[in-house]
Amino acid sequence: MIPALIVVVVILVLIIGAIIAIYNALVRLRNQVDNSWSQIDVQLKRRHDLIPNLVETAKGYMKHERETFEAITKARSQAMGAKTVSDAAKAEGALGDALSKFMLVVENYPDLKANQNFLSLQEELTATENRIAFARQNYNDQVLFFNNKIQMFPSNIIAGMFSFTKRDFFELESEAERETPKVSFS
């Protein structure tokens, strides 16, 4: 009777240990996803802060481009007000489109392209865009690990018991990002 009781206790301890280990792994992954999102958020805020300076510098040169400035301002406001990952992705895609159109219009203003302040802001914005892309890739990797963990057996049982839910990927819905770049040497 005592050996059977010891076996039952050992099995219970192993099961409880496994549950604790799986739960802790899920918490760690969820926190990594949250941390990754906060890294994206930092870079997006940096981008949002750079845009007004870029626009103000350009306004002096581009007096007839009111629609372009309004589109950027509207897209920036929507991006800053996004509450969910999918809303942020959609708004950031629209902001990226507006910035792309802005940069195309800038090509028509050689004096602006030569302005040191504008060039500096443009370079900083480009570096920020690269940081956003890296942070987005890291976030999506963390979401993949987390989603896999909560969907795979046996951790899916624990995930269900403790209400761990699937996270959304940060996918931009920008037409500019989905188009194939055109290269011309003419």
C-alpha atoms as a PDB file:
ATOM      1  CA  MET A   1       0.000   0.000   0.000  1.00  0.00           C
ATOM      2  CA  ILE A   2       2.820   2.474   0.887  1.00  0.00           C
ATOM      3  CA  PRO A   3       4.728   1.858  -2.402  1.00  0.00           C
ATOM      4  CA  ALA A   4       1.513   2.458  -4.379  1.00  0.00           C
ATOM      5  CA  LEU A   5       0.928   5.693  -2.459  1.00  0.00           C
ATOM      6  CA  ILE A   6       4.495   6.815  -3.188  1.00  0.00           C
ATOM      7  CA  VAL A   7       3.999   6.099  -6.901  1.00  0.00           C
ATOM      8  CA  VAL A   8       0.750   8.107  -6.927  1.00  0.00           C
ATOM      9  CA  VAL A   9       2.419  11.021  -5.116  1.00  0.00           C
ATOM     10  CA  VAL A  10       5.396  10.950  -7.514  1.00  0.00           C
ATOM     11  CA  ILE A  11       3.060  10.934 -10.522  1.00  0.00           C
ATOM     12  CA  LEU A  12       1.051  13.842  -9.072  1.00  0.00           C
ATOM     13  CA  VAL A  13       4.240  15.802  -8.391  1.00  0.00           C
ATOM     14  CA  LEU A  14       5.419  15.176 -11.981  1.00  0.00           C
ATOM     15  CA  ILE A  15       2.063  16.265 -13.425  1.00  0.00           C
ATOM     16  CA  ILE A  16       1.972  19.404 -11.263  1.00  0.00           C
ATOM     17  CA  GLY A  17       5.600  20.129 -12.191  1.00  0.00           C
ATOM     18  CA  ALA A  18       4.796  19.760 -15.888  1.00  0.00           C
ATOM     19  CA  ILE A  19       1.787  22.077 -15.564  1.00  0.00           C
ATOM     20  CA  ILE A  20       3.902  24.676 -13.762  1.00  0.00           C
ATOM     21  CA  ALA A  21       6.681  24.413 -16.363  1.00  0.00           C
ATOM     22  CA  ILE A  22       4.256  24.774 -19.285  1.00  0.00           C
ATOM     23  CA  TYR A  23       2.432  27.677 -17.618  1.00  0.00           C
ATOM     24  CA  ASN A  24       5.711  29.481 -16.938  1.00  0.00           C
ATOM     25  CA  ALA A  25       6.830  28.938 -20.541  1.00  0.00           C
ATOM     26  CA  LEU A  26       3.548  30.411 -21.781  1.00  0.00           C
ATOM     27  CA  VAL A  27       3.906  33.432 -19.493  1.00  0.00           C
ATOM     28  CA  ARG A  28       7.500  33.949 -20.658  1.00  0.00           C
ATOM     29  CA  LEU A  29       6.459  33.808 -24.326  1.00  0.00           C
ATOM     30  CA  ARG A  30       3.500  36.147 -23.758  1.00  0.00           C
ATOM     31  CA  ASN A  31       5.832  38.628 -22.064  1.00  0.00           C
ATOM     32  CA  GLN A  32       8.298  38.358 -24.949  1.00  0.00           C
ATOM     33  CA  VAL A  33       5.486  39.165 -27.383  1.00  0.00           C
ATOM     34  CA  ASP A  34       4.477  42.170 -25.263  1.00  0.00           C
ATOM     35  CA  ASN A  35       8.089  43.336 -25.075  1.00  0.00           C
ATOM     36  CA  SER A  36       8.491  42.963 -28.825  1.00  0.00           C
ATOM     37  CA  TRP A  37       5.362  45.035 -29.382  1.00  0.00           C
ATOM     38  CA  SER A  38       6.674  47.745 -27.080  1.00  0.00           C
ATOM     39  CA  GLN A  39       9.867  47.873 -29.186  1.00  0.00           C
ATOM     40  CA  ILE A  40       7.759  48.441 -32.304  1.00  0.00           C
ATOM     41  CA  ASP A  41       5.751  51.053 -30.428  1.00  0.00           C
ATOM     42  CA  VAL A  42       8.935  52.951 -29.503  1.00  0.00           C
ATOM     43  CA  GLN A  43      10.062  53.037 -33.126  1.00  0.00           C
ATOM     44  CA  LEU A  44       6.615  54.026 -34.385  1.00  0.00           C
ATOM     45  CA  LYS A  45       6.533  56.912 -31.890  1.00  0.00           C
ATOM     46  CA  ARG A  46       9.948  57.992 -33.122  1.00  0.00           C
ATOM     47  CA  ARG A  47       8.609  57.898 -36.687  1.00  0.00           C
ATOM     48  CA  HIS A  48       5.497  59.848 -35.688  1.00  0.00           C
ATOM     49  CA  ASP A  49       7.667  62.481 -34.003  1.00  0.00           C
ATOM     50  CA  LEU A  50       9.923  62.905 -37.062  1.00  0.00           C
ATOM     51  CA  ILE A  51       7.131  63.396 -39.567  1.00  0.00           C
ATOM     52  CA  PRO A  52       5.948  66.862 -38.436  1.00  0.00           C
ATOM     53  CA  ASN A  53       9.529  68.175 -38.592  1.00  0.00           C
ATOM     54  CA  LEU A  54       9.969  66.752 -42.081  1.00  0.00           C
ATOM     55  CA  VAL A  55       6.686  68.247 -43.251  1.00  0.00           C
ATOM     56  CA  GLU A  56       7.404  71.668 -41.707  1.00  0.00           C
ATOM     57  CA  THR A  57      10.800  71.778 -43.389  1.00  0.00           C
ATOM     58  CA  ALA A  58       9.232  70.910 -46.728  1.00  0.00           C
ATOM     59  CA  LYS A  59       6.306  73.352 -46.450  1.00  0.00           C
ATOM     60  CA  GLY A  60       8.520  76.340 -47.085  1.00  0.00           C
ATOM     61  CA  TYR A  61       9.558  74.914 -50.431  1.00  0.00           C
ATOM     62  CA  MET A  62       6.393  73.101 -51.462  1.00  0.00           C
ATOM     63  CA  LYS A  63       3.694  75.756 -51.314  1.00  0.00           C
ATOM     64  CA  HIS A  64       1.372  73.994 -53.791  1.00  0.00           C
ATOM     65  CA  GLU A  65       1.322  70.539 -52.217  1.00  0.00           C
ATOM     66  CA  ARG A  66      -1.426  71.018 -49.627  1.00  0.00           C
ATOM     67  CA  GLU A  67      -3.097  67.649 -50.367  1.00  0.00           C
ATOM     68  CA  THR A  68       0.144  65.807 -49.746  1.00  0.00           C
ATOM     69  CA  PHE A  69       0.626  67.454 -46.356  1.00  0.00           C
ATOM     70  CA  GLU A  70      -2.990  66.824 -45.369  1.00  0.00           C
ATOM     71  CA  ALA A  71      -2.720  63.127 -46.328  1.00  0.00           C
ATOM     72  CA  ILE A  72       0.400  62.702 -44.182  1.00  0.00           C
ATOM     73  CA  THR A  73      -1.154  64.529 -41.237  1.00  0.00           C
ATOM     74  CA  LYS A  74      -4.346  62.460 -41.433  1.00  0.00           C
ATOM     75  CA  ALA A  75      -2.439  59.170 -41.771  1.00  0.00           C
ATOM     76  CA  ARG A  76      -0.174  60.089 -38.842  1.00  0.00           C
ATOM     77  CA  SER A  77      -3.165  60.892 -36.629  1.00  0.00           C
ATOM     78  CA  GLN A  78      -4.808  57.581 -37.468  1.00  0.00           C
ATOM     79  CA  ALA A  79      -1.580  55.696 -36.808  1.00  0.00           C
ATOM     80  CA  MET A  80      -1.103  57.374 -33.445  1.00  0.00           C
ATOM     81  CA  GLY A  81      -4.695  56.552 -32.453  1.00  0.00           C
ATOM     82  CA  ALA A  82      -4.546  52.845 -33.345  1.00  0.00           C
ATOM     83  CA  LYS A  83      -5.417  50.590 -30.404  1.00  0.00           C
ATOM     84  CA  THR A  84      -4.886  47.033 -31.690  1.00  0.00           C
ATOM     85  CA  VAL A  85      -2.066  45.390 -33.612  1.00  0.00           C
ATOM     86  CA  SER A  86      -4.224  44.993 -36.720  1.00  0.00           C
ATOM     87  CA  ASP A  87      -5.415  48.633 -36.523  1.00  0.00           C
ATOM     88  CA  ALA A  88      -1.827  49.781 -36.098  1.00  0.00           C
ATOM     89  CA  ALA A  89      -0.688  47.686 -39.057  1.00  0.00           C
ATOM     90  CA  LYS A  90      -3.412  49.123 -41.284  1.00  0.00           C
ATOM     91  CA  ALA A  91      -2.771  52.707 -40.167  1.00  0.00           C
ATOM     92  CA  GLU A  92       1.009  52.359 -40.495  1.00  0.00           C
ATOM     93  CA  GLY A  93       0.540  50.974 -44.009  1.00  0.00           C
ATOM     94  CA  ALA A  94      -1.492  54.055 -44.944  1.00  0.00           C
ATOM     95  CA  LEU A  95       1.135  56.298 -43.341  1.00  0.00           C
ATOM     96  CA  GLY A  96       3.861  54.526 -45.304  1.00  0.00           C
ATOM     97  CA  ASP A  97       1.908  55.092 -48.526  1.00  0.00           C
ATOM     98  CA  ALA A  98       1.477  58.794 -47.702  1.00  0.00           C
ATOM     99  CA  LEU A  99       5.196  59.148 -46.948  1.00  0.00           C
ATOM    100  CA  SER A 100       6.105  57.382 -50.207  1.00  0.00           C
ATOM    101  CA  LYS A 101       3.943  59.810 -52.182  1.00  0.00           C
ATOM    102  CA  PHE A 102       5.488  62.697 -50.253  1.00  0.00           C
ATOM    103  CA  MET A 103       9.002  61.535 -51.162  1.00  0.00           C
ATOM    104  CA  LEU A 104       7.990  61.297 -54.825  1.00  0.00           C
ATOM    105  CA  VAL A 105       6.722  64.891 -54.743  1.00  0.00           C
ATOM    106  CA  VAL A 106       9.964  66.008 -53.075  1.00  0.00           C
ATOM    107  CA  GLU A 107      11.804  64.927 -56.235  1.00  0.00           C
ATOM    108  CA  ASN A 108      10.233  67.941 -58.007  1.00  0.00           C
ATOM    109  CA  TYR A 109      11.909  70.386 -55.595  1.00  0.00           C
ATOM    110  CA  PRO A 110      15.708  70.397 -56.040  1.00  0.00           C
ATOM    111  CA  ASP A 111      16.185  73.193 -53.489  1.00  0.00           C
ATOM    112  CA  LEU A 112      14.399  71.130 -50.848  1.00  0.00           C
ATOM    113  CA  LYS A 113      16.433  68.032 -51.699  1.00  0.00           C
ATOM    114  CA  ALA A 114      19.581  70.092 -51.113  1.00  0.00           C
ATOM    115  CA  ASN A 115      18.408  71.491 -47.746  1.00  0.00           C
ATOM    116  CA  GLN A 116      20.665  70.109 -44.993  1.00  0.00           C
ATOM    117  CA  ASN A 117      17.904  70.020 -42.380  1.00  0.00           C
ATOM    118  CA  PHE A 118      15.595  68.127 -44.730  1.00  0.00           C
ATOM    119  CA  LEU A 119      18.349  65.687 -45.693  1.00  0.00           C
ATOM    120  CA  SER A 120      19.133  65.045 -42.045  1.00  0.00           C
ATOM    121  CA  LEU A 121      15.463  64.408 -41.221  1.00  0.00           C
ATOM    122  CA  GLN A 122      15.090  62.193 -44.280  1.00  0.00           C
ATOM    123  CA  GLU A 123      18.126  60.150 -43.249  1.00  0.00           C
ATOM    124  CA  GLU A 124      16.792  59.803 -39.703  1.00  0.00           C
ATOM    125  CA  LEU A 125      13.395  58.705 -41.040  1.00  0.00           C
ATOM    126  CA  THR A 126      15.068  56.088 -43.237  1.00  0.00           C
ATOM    127  CA  ALA A 127      17.017  54.736 -40.258  1.00  0.00           C
ATOM    128  CA  THR A 128      13.803  54.634 -38.228  1.00  0.00           C
ATOM    129  CA  GLU A 129      12.020  52.742 -41.010  1.00  0.00           C
ATOM    130  CA  ASN A 130      14.811  50.154 -40.875  1.00  0.00           C
ATOM    131  CA  ARG A 131      14.439  49.852 -37.102  1.00  0.00           C
ATOM    132  CA  ILE A 132      10.683  49.425 -37.498  1.00  0.00           C
ATOM    133  CA  ALA A 133      11.211  46.640 -40.026  1.00  0.00           C
ATOM    134  CA  PHE A 134      13.615  44.854 -37.678  1.00  0.00           C
ATOM    135  CA  ALA A 135      11.307  45.292 -34.669  1.00  0.00           C
ATOM    136  CA  ARG A 136       8.341  44.074 -36.734  1.00  0.00           C
ATOM    137  CA  GLN A 137      10.256  40.952 -37.766  1.00  0.00           C
ATOM    138  CA  ASN A 138      11.227  40.274 -34.146  1.00  0.00           C
ATOM    139  CA  TYR A 139       7.635  40.806 -32.971  1.00  0.00           C
ATOM    140  CA  ASN A 140       6.263  38.454 -35.616  1.00  0.00           C
ATOM    141  CA  ASP A 141       8.851  35.816 -34.636  1.00  0.00           C
ATOM    142  CA  GLN A 142       7.779  36.072 -30.988  1.00  0.00           C
ATOM    143  CA  VAL A 143       4.100  35.862 -31.973  1.00  0.00           C
ATOM    144  CA  LEU A 144       4.869  32.750 -34.021  1.00  0.00           C
ATOM    145  CA  PHE A 145       6.594  31.046 -31.069  1.00  0.00           C
ATOM    146  CA  PHE A 146       3.774  32.019 -28.708  1.00  0.00           C
ATOM    147  CA  ASN A 147       0.979  30.966 -31.069  1.00  0.00           C
ATOM    148  CA  ASN A 148       2.710  27.650 -31.758  1.00  0.00           C
ATOM    149  CA  LYS A 149       3.078  26.990 -28.047  1.00  0.00           C
ATOM    150  CA  ILE A 150      -0.572  27.678 -27.210  1.00  0.00           C
ATOM    151  CA  GLN A 151      -1.764  25.512 -30.108  1.00  0.00           C
ATOM    152  CA  MET A 152       0.485  22.468 -29.641  1.00  0.00           C
ATOM    153  CA  PHE A 153      -0.203  19.548 -27.342  1.00  0.00           C
ATOM    154  CA  PRO A 154       0.103  19.369 -24.317  1.00  0.00           C
ATOM    155  CA  SER A 155       0.594  23.102 -23.762  1.00  0.00           C
ATOM    156  CA  ASN A 156      -2.677  23.841 -25.569  1.00  0.00           C
ATOM    157  CA  ILE A 157      -4.522  22.258 -22.621  1.00  0.00           C
ATOM    158  CA  ILE A 158      -2.789  24.530 -20.125  1.00  0.00           C
ATOM    159  CA  ALA A 159      -3.207  27.532 -22.452  1.00  0.00           C
ATOM    160  CA  GLY A 160      -6.935  26.868 -22.623  1.00  0.00           C
ATOM    161  CA  MET A 161      -7.234  26.452 -18.863  1.00  0.00           C
ATOM    162  CA  PHE A 162      -5.521  29.795 -18.210  1.00  0.00           C
ATOM    163  CA  SER A 163      -7.057  31.735 -21.147  1.00  0.00           C
ATOM    164  CA  PHE A 164      -3.933  32.307 -23.204  1.00  0.00           C
ATOM    165  CA  THR A 165      -5.143  33.560 -26.587  1.00  0.00           C
ATOM    166  CA  LYS A 166      -3.596  33.748 -30.013  1.00  0.00           C
ATOM    167  CA  ARG A 167      -1.841  37.011 -30.898  1.00  0.00           C
ATOM    168  CA  ASP A 168      -2.047  38.851 -34.227  1.00  0.00           C
ATOM    169  CA  PHE A 169       0.946  39.296 -36.499  1.00  0.00           C
ATOM    170  CA  PHE A 170       1.978  42.827 -37.444  1.00  0.00           C
ATOM    171  CA  GLU A 171       1.378  42.785 -41.178  1.00  0.00           C
ATOM    172  CA  LEU A 172       1.297  46.017 -43.096  1.00  0.00           C
ATOM    173  CA  GLU A 173      -1.513  46.444 -45.552  1.00  0.00           C
ATOM    174  CA  SER A 174       0.360  48.942 -47.656  1.00  0.00           C
ATOM    175  CA  GLU A 175       0.019  48.801 -51.417  1.00  0.00           C
ATOM    176  CA  ALA A 176       3.525  50.207 -51.750  1.00  0.00           C
ATOM    177  CA  GLU A 177       5.023  47.331 -49.745  1.00  0.00           C
ATOM    178  CA  ARG A 178       3.221  44.686 -51.788  1.00  0.00           C
ATOM    179  CA  GLU A 179       4.184  46.084 -55.194  1.00  0.00           C
ATOM    180  CA  THR A 180       7.248  44.842 -57.013  1.00  0.00           C
ATOM    181  CA  PRO A 181       9.803  47.639 -57.291  1.00  0.00           C
ATOM    182  CA  LYS A 182      10.386  48.859 -60.844  1.00  0.00           C
ATOM    183  CA  VAL A 183      14.015  49.233 -61.852  1.00  0.00           C
ATOM    184  CA  SER A 184      14.965  51.346 -64.836  1.00  0.00           C
ATOM    185  CA  PHE A 185      18.417  52.153 -66.182  1.00  0.00           C
ATOM    186  CA  SER A 186      17.268  54.565 -68.891  1.00  0.00           C
END
